[in-house]
Amino acid sequence: MESTRKQLIELLSEQQGHISGQALSQSLDISRTAVWKHMKELERDGYEIEAVQRKGYKIVSFPNKVSENTLQWGLNTDWLGHNLHHYAEVASTQEVVHQLAKQGKPHGTVVIADQQVQGKGRMSRNWDSPKGKGIWMSILLRPELLPYQAPQLTLLTATVLAEVIADQSSITPYIKWPNDLLVHHKKVSGILTEMQAEQDQIQYVVLGIGINVNQDTADIPEGLQHKATSLRIESQQEWSIQQTIQRILRQFERTYDQFIQNGFSEVKPKWEEYGYKIGEKVTISTMKKSWQATLVGIEPDGALLARDEMGNVEKLYSAEIHWGEGGYNA
């Protein structure tokens, strides 16, 4: 059913005018009655369909809402989101994708929810995911990469989100190492990458994306207002969640394909262009010491590069970073 509906949407989107029920029936290898039933399902989802005798069907408008149909309408990706699941509410999109991965669902499967009741970020932190206010999404990837390369997927995703946000608005996002996006020093998005792997082979990766989109200040818990924001608050405009998801998926597919073909070399300078506090001094604390350093970039394995006052450059894989005025600690 999912495959037939997707093919139907593609046929309708490719057609400038009407397309006959007979042509749809033949293309989809289903009865004309089945075509009519699919059209009724689309109407129930909010599509306005024009049916003209001896001409056929034409979609004249579609709803600005998030559903499997509206997300696949006009998505135009080669592989990402062809298997797409939308839920009104889940505990966590990460958990759903892990379950689908174990069932053998394909590379590029996407799960999107209007609300998460147990959303999570790094280190099992809670992620507030109110209904209809943000993008709560997880992607299943089955990359032919070695396990040590998996952190590159987090860095790649951060550049995709930064580019989509920058292209859609006057907002300037920054990527705070290793996995947050900030606007005006406040968190607007987070990325959670989880992996199932053997010593020399990745079985699958679940890439979680959370973006605060249309929250007002009152929607953000009082205890988080000093360090969290939304695209709406920062841009003073309402965002289409459906269209933003589609832009992210299209941009992610292009960037991912380039990464698989050409390696990390094209991702690294993009990340550093958006890197938070790159070229600035911060205070770094580890179990052994605390010191001031200038952030200079990232390594292909995901390490943050910091140059101390003696000119020595150190790779950081885990550290507490005191970002200074406006930034909260990592």
Protein backbone atom coordinates (compact mmCIF):
# COMPACT_ATOMS: atom_id res chain seq x y z
CA MET A 1 0.00 0.00 0.00
CA GLU A 2 2.79 2.43 0.92
CA SER A 3 4.57 1.73 -2.38
CA THR A 4 1.38 2.16 -4.44
CA ARG A 5 0.47 5.43 -2.73
CA LYS A 6 3.98 6.77 -3.27
CA GLN A 7 3.91 5.84 -6.96
CA LEU A 8 0.50 7.51 -7.29
CA ILE A 9 1.81 10.71 -5.71
CA GLU A 10 4.82 10.68 -8.05
CA LEU A 11 2.62 10.21 -11.13
CA LEU A 12 0.34 13.06 -10.10
CA SER A 13 3.24 15.39 -9.27
CA GLU A 14 4.90 14.75 -12.65
CA GLN A 15 1.71 15.53 -14.57
CA GLN A 16 1.04 19.16 -15.54
CA GLY A 17 -2.64 18.58 -16.32
CA HIS A 18 -5.13 15.82 -15.61
CA ILE A 19 -4.24 12.15 -15.79
CA SER A 20 -6.93 9.61 -16.51
CA GLY A 21 -8.02 6.92 -14.11
CA GLN A 22 -7.27 4.36 -16.82
CA ALA A 23 -3.69 5.61 -17.21
CA LEU A 24 -3.18 5.51 -13.44
CA SER A 25 -4.72 2.04 -13.29
CA GLN A 26 -2.35 0.73 -15.94
CA SER A 27 0.73 2.42 -14.51
CA LEU A 28 0.06 1.16 -10.98
CA ASP A 29 -1.33 -2.23 -12.02
CA ILE A 30 -4.43 -1.76 -9.89
CA SER A 31 -8.13 -1.41 -10.69
CA ARG A 32 -9.77 1.94 -11.39
CA THR A 33 -11.81 1.38 -8.24
CA ALA A 34 -8.57 1.09 -6.28
CA VAL A 35 -7.35 4.34 -7.87
CA TRP A 36 -10.57 6.06 -6.76
CA LYS A 37 -10.10 4.74 -3.19
CA HIS A 38 -6.55 6.11 -3.09
CA MET A 39 -7.86 9.50 -4.22
CA LYS A 40 -10.39 9.48 -1.41
CA GLU A 41 -7.62 8.72 1.08
CA LEU A 42 -5.66 11.70 -0.21
CA GLU A 43 -8.76 13.90 0.15
CA ARG A 44 -9.16 12.75 3.74
CA ASP A 45 -5.55 13.79 4.27
CA GLY A 46 -6.42 17.31 3.12
CA TYR A 47 -5.59 17.23 -0.59
CA GLU A 48 -7.94 19.05 -2.96
CA ILE A 49 -8.44 16.80 -6.00
CA GLU A 50 -10.15 17.84 -9.20
CA ALA A 51 -11.85 14.95 -11.00
CA VAL A 52 -13.10 15.76 -14.50
CA GLN A 53 -15.02 13.27 -16.62
CA ARG A 54 -13.03 12.00 -19.63
CA LYS A 55 -9.95 13.92 -18.39
CA GLY A 56 -9.13 12.28 -15.10
CA TYR A 57 -7.59 13.49 -11.85
CA LYS A 58 -5.49 16.46 -10.87
CA ILE A 59 -4.30 17.62 -7.45
CA VAL A 60 -4.90 21.37 -7.29
CA SER A 61 -3.73 21.98 -3.72
CA PHE A 62 -2.25 20.05 -0.86
CA PRO A 63 -2.30 20.63 2.90
CA ASN A 64 0.50 22.29 4.81
CA LYS A 65 0.64 19.49 7.35
CA VAL A 66 2.96 16.67 8.22
CA SER A 67 1.90 13.21 7.04
CA GLU A 68 3.41 10.41 4.99
CA ASN A 69 1.55 11.67 1.92
CA THR A 70 2.46 15.35 2.21
CA LEU A 71 6.11 14.59 2.97
CA GLN A 72 6.50 12.30 -0.03
CA TRP A 73 4.62 14.68 -2.34
CA GLY A 74 7.38 16.60 -4.13
CA LEU A 75 10.20 15.09 -2.04
CA ASN A 76 12.05 13.97 -5.18
CA THR A 77 14.82 12.01 -3.49
CA ASP A 78 16.51 8.97 -5.00
CA TRP A 79 16.53 6.80 -1.88
CA LEU A 80 16.00 8.81 1.29
CA GLY A 81 12.47 8.75 2.70
CA HIS A 82 11.03 6.30 0.18
CA ASN A 83 10.20 4.20 3.22
CA LEU A 84 8.72 6.85 5.50
CA HIS A 85 6.69 6.46 8.70
CA HIS A 86 4.79 9.28 10.37
CA TYR A 87 3.30 9.05 13.86
CA ALA A 88 1.21 11.46 15.87
CA GLU A 89 3.09 10.40 19.03
CA VAL A 90 5.92 8.06 19.93
CA ALA A 91 8.11 7.55 22.95
CA SER A 92 11.18 8.24 20.81
CA THR A 93 11.77 8.18 17.06
CA GLN A 94 15.18 6.65 17.82
CA GLU A 95 13.54 3.64 19.46
CA VAL A 96 11.14 3.18 16.54
CA VAL A 97 13.98 3.19 14.00
CA HIS A 98 16.00 0.71 16.05
CA GLN A 99 13.00 -1.62 15.93
CA LEU A 100 12.59 -1.12 12.17
CA ALA A 101 16.31 -1.71 11.62
CA LYS A 102 16.11 -5.05 13.40
CA GLN A 103 13.15 -5.93 11.15
CA GLY A 104 15.37 -5.39 8.12
CA LYS A 105 13.96 -2.07 6.89
CA PRO A 106 16.11 -0.50 4.19
CA HIS A 107 18.76 2.17 4.15
CA GLY A 108 17.08 5.56 4.01
CA THR A 109 14.05 4.69 6.14
CA VAL A 110 12.74 7.79 7.94
CA VAL A 111 10.56 8.07 11.04
CA ILE A 112 8.92 11.39 11.94
CA ALA A 113 6.65 12.15 14.89
CA ASP A 114 4.50 15.14 15.79
CA GLN A 115 5.43 14.57 19.43
CA GLN A 116 7.88 12.53 21.49
CA VAL A 117 7.02 11.76 25.09
CA GLN A 118 10.45 10.34 25.92
CA GLY A 119 12.68 12.23 23.52
CA LYS A 120 16.37 11.93 24.29
CA GLY A 121 19.64 13.61 23.50
CA ARG A 122 23.26 12.72 24.16
CA MET A 123 24.18 11.07 27.46
CA SER A 124 20.49 10.11 28.01
CA ARG A 125 19.44 13.72 28.53
CA ASN A 126 15.76 14.46 28.00
CA TRP A 127 14.73 16.34 24.88
CA ASP A 128 11.54 18.37 25.14
CA SER A 129 9.48 17.55 22.01
CA PRO A 130 6.09 19.31 22.12
CA LYS A 131 3.34 18.39 19.68
CA GLY A 132 3.46 20.09 16.30
CA LYS A 133 6.15 22.56 17.32
CA GLY A 134 9.31 21.00 15.98
CA ILE A 135 10.99 18.38 13.83
CA TRP A 136 11.46 15.10 15.66
CA MET A 137 12.99 12.72 13.15
CA SER A 138 15.29 9.71 12.90
CA ILE A 139 16.95 8.24 9.82
CA LEU A 140 18.12 4.66 9.32
CA LEU A 141 21.43 4.36 7.48
CA ARG A 142 23.30 1.23 6.45
CA PRO A 143 26.60 2.79 5.34
CA GLU A 144 29.58 0.87 4.04
CA LEU A 145 31.88 2.56 6.52
CA LEU A 146 34.16 1.39 9.29
CA PRO A 147 32.86 1.99 12.84
CA TYR A 148 35.48 4.66 13.59
CA GLN A 149 34.04 6.75 10.73
CA ALA A 150 30.55 6.93 12.27
CA PRO A 151 31.19 10.30 14.05
CA GLN A 152 31.61 11.83 10.60
CA LEU A 153 27.89 11.29 10.04
CA THR A 154 27.10 13.54 13.01
CA LEU A 155 29.37 16.27 11.66
CA LEU A 156 27.89 15.90 8.17
CA THR A 157 24.34 16.17 9.51
CA ALA A 158 25.18 19.32 11.43
CA THR A 159 26.39 21.01 8.22
CA VAL A 160 23.17 19.98 6.43
CA LEU A 161 20.98 21.52 9.15
CA ALA A 162 23.08 24.69 9.26
CA GLU A 163 22.85 25.13 5.49
CA VAL A 164 19.10 24.54 5.37
CA ILE A 165 18.44 27.01 8.19
CA ALA A 166 20.74 29.64 6.66
CA ASP A 167 19.22 29.22 3.19
CA GLN A 168 15.65 29.65 4.46
CA SER A 169 16.18 32.73 6.60
CA SER A 170 18.48 35.51 7.72
CA ILE A 171 19.44 33.39 10.74
CA THR A 172 23.12 32.57 11.18
CA PRO A 173 23.42 29.15 12.85
CA TYR A 174 26.58 27.83 14.47
CA ILE A 175 27.58 24.23 15.15
CA LYS A 176 28.69 23.68 18.72
CA TRP A 177 30.94 20.64 18.92
CA PRO A 178 30.05 17.91 18.76
CA ASN A 179 26.35 17.87 17.92
CA ASP A 180 24.36 21.03 18.69
CA LEU A 181 23.23 23.95 16.55
CA LEU A 182 23.08 27.36 18.19
CA VAL A 183 21.49 30.65 17.20
CA HIS A 184 22.53 33.69 19.25
CA HIS A 185 24.32 31.31 21.65
CA LYS A 186 21.14 29.31 22.35
CA LYS A 187 20.45 25.73 21.31
CA VAL A 188 17.99 25.30 18.47
CA SER A 189 18.83 21.76 17.36
CA GLY A 190 20.57 18.59 18.49
CA ILE A 191 21.80 15.46 16.76
CA LEU A 192 21.99 11.99 18.29
CA THR A 193 23.89 9.28 16.44
CA GLU A 194 23.57 5.67 17.62
CA MET A 195 25.23 2.69 16.01
CA GLN A 196 24.95 -1.06 15.94
CA ALA A 197 28.28 -2.47 14.79
CA GLU A 198 30.81 -5.24 14.95
CA GLN A 199 34.53 -4.66 15.23
CA ASP A 200 35.07 -3.95 11.53
CA GLN A 201 31.56 -3.43 10.18
CA ILE A 202 28.62 -1.11 10.79
CA GLN A 203 25.33 -2.96 10.76
CA TYR A 204 23.29 0.21 10.89
CA VAL A 205 23.25 3.78 12.18
CA VAL A 206 20.26 5.62 13.64
CA LEU A 207 20.63 9.34 13.12
CA GLY A 208 18.29 11.39 15.31
CA ILE A 209 17.48 15.04 14.56
CA GLY A 210 15.58 17.35 16.86
CA ILE A 211 14.85 20.95 15.86
CA ASN A 212 12.89 23.54 17.79
CA VAL A 213 10.88 25.14 15.00
CA ASN A 214 7.69 26.98 15.94
CA GLN A 215 7.89 27.29 19.72
CA ASP A 216 7.13 30.64 21.28
CA THR A 217 9.09 31.65 24.38
CA ALA A 218 6.22 30.39 26.54
CA ASP A 219 6.54 26.92 24.96
CA ILE A 220 10.12 26.51 26.18
CA PRO A 221 10.41 25.27 29.77
CA GLU A 222 11.35 28.13 32.08
CA GLY A 223 14.51 26.40 33.24
CA LEU A 224 15.76 26.16 29.62
CA GLN A 225 14.93 29.62 28.30
CA HIS A 226 18.44 30.90 28.98
CA LYS A 227 19.97 28.26 26.72
CA ALA A 228 17.26 27.10 24.27
CA THR A 229 15.42 28.87 21.48
CA SER A 230 13.48 28.12 18.29
CA LEU A 231 13.63 29.11 14.64
CA ARG A 232 10.40 31.06 15.06
CA ILE A 233 11.70 33.05 18.03
CA GLU A 234 14.91 33.93 16.22
CA SER A 235 13.39 34.72 12.82
CA GLN A 236 10.09 36.22 14.01
CA GLN A 237 8.23 34.12 11.46
CA GLU A 238 6.27 30.86 11.27
CA TRP A 239 8.05 27.98 9.55
CA SER A 240 6.49 25.20 7.48
CA ILE A 241 7.58 22.04 9.26
CA GLN A 242 6.62 19.90 6.27
CA GLN A 243 8.67 21.92 3.79
CA THR A 244 11.62 22.20 6.16
CA ILE A 245 11.69 18.42 6.60
CA GLN A 246 11.67 17.96 2.83
CA ARG A 247 14.53 20.44 2.39
CA ILE A 248 16.56 18.66 5.06
CA LEU A 249 16.01 15.25 3.45
CA ARG A 250 16.92 16.49 -0.04
CA GLN A 251 20.04 18.28 1.22
CA PHE A 252 21.03 15.33 3.40
CA GLU A 253 20.79 12.90 0.48
CA ARG A 254 22.98 15.11 -1.74
CA THR A 255 25.57 15.68 0.98
CA TYR A 256 25.61 12.02 2.05
CA ASP A 257 26.09 10.79 -1.52
CA GLN A 258 28.98 13.21 -2.03
CA PHE A 259 30.51 12.07 1.27
CA ILE A 260 30.30 8.39 0.30
CA GLN A 261 31.85 9.15 -3.07
CA ASN A 262 34.51 11.70 -2.10
CA GLY A 263 35.13 11.18 1.61
CA PHE A 264 35.16 13.67 4.47
CA SER A 265 37.30 16.32 2.76
CA GLU A 266 34.27 18.29 1.50
CA VAL A 267 32.43 18.14 4.84
CA LYS A 268 35.31 19.39 7.02
CA PRO A 269 35.57 22.98 5.68
CA LYS A 270 31.76 23.37 5.73
CA TRP A 271 31.65 22.31 9.38
CA GLU A 272 34.48 24.70 10.26
CA GLU A 273 32.69 27.54 8.42
CA TYR A 274 29.76 27.14 10.81
CA GLY A 275 31.84 26.00 13.81
CA TYR A 276 30.96 27.75 17.07
CA LYS A 277 33.85 29.74 18.58
CA ILE A 278 36.31 28.55 15.93
CA GLY A 279 39.27 30.92 16.14
CA GLU A 280 38.26 32.04 19.64
CA LYS A 281 39.53 31.23 23.12
CA VAL A 282 37.66 28.90 25.46
CA THR A 283 38.50 27.15 28.72
CA ILE A 284 38.85 23.37 28.51
CA SER A 285 38.69 20.97 31.45
CA THR A 286 39.55 17.28 31.49
CA MET A 287 40.15 14.88 34.37
CA LYS A 288 43.82 15.82 34.32
CA LYS A 289 43.89 19.59 33.80
CA SER A 290 42.15 22.84 32.91
CA TRP A 291 43.57 25.32 30.41
CA GLN A 292 42.79 28.06 27.92
CA ALA A 293 42.98 27.25 24.25
CA THR A 294 41.94 28.54 20.84
CA LEU A 295 39.66 26.28 18.83
CA VAL A 296 41.12 25.72 15.36
CA GLY A 297 38.94 23.08 13.69
CA ILE A 298 38.07 19.40 13.62
CA GLU A 299 39.73 16.17 12.66
CA PRO A 300 38.12 13.69 10.24
CA ASP A 301 37.48 11.31 13.16
CA GLY A 302 35.36 13.96 14.90
CA ALA A 303 37.97 15.22 17.34
CA LEU A 304 38.01 18.94 18.15
CA LEU A 305 41.34 20.65 17.61
CA ALA A 306 42.48 23.15 20.25
CA ARG A 307 45.75 25.11 20.33
CA ASP A 308 47.12 26.01 23.74
CA GLU A 309 49.03 29.17 24.62
CA MET A 310 52.34 27.43 23.81
CA GLY A 311 51.16 26.70 20.27
CA ASN A 312 50.60 22.99 20.80
CA VAL A 313 47.51 21.53 19.11
CA GLU A 314 45.60 18.87 21.00
CA LYS A 315 42.85 16.56 19.80
CA LEU A 316 39.83 16.47 22.06
CA TYR A 317 37.51 13.48 22.04
CA SER A 318 35.89 14.17 25.40
CA ALA A 319 36.17 17.31 27.48
CA GLU A 320 34.16 19.91 29.35
CA ILE A 321 34.33 23.14 27.41
CA HIS A 322 33.51 26.43 29.12
CA TRP A 323 32.34 28.46 26.17
CA GLY A 324 32.38 31.82 27.93
CA GLU A 325 29.78 34.56 27.74
CA GLY A 326 26.56 33.47 26.07
CA GLY A 327 27.53 29.83 25.68
CA TYR A 328 26.70 26.98 27.98
CA ASN A 329 29.11 24.22 28.85
CA ALA A 330 29.46 21.06 26.73
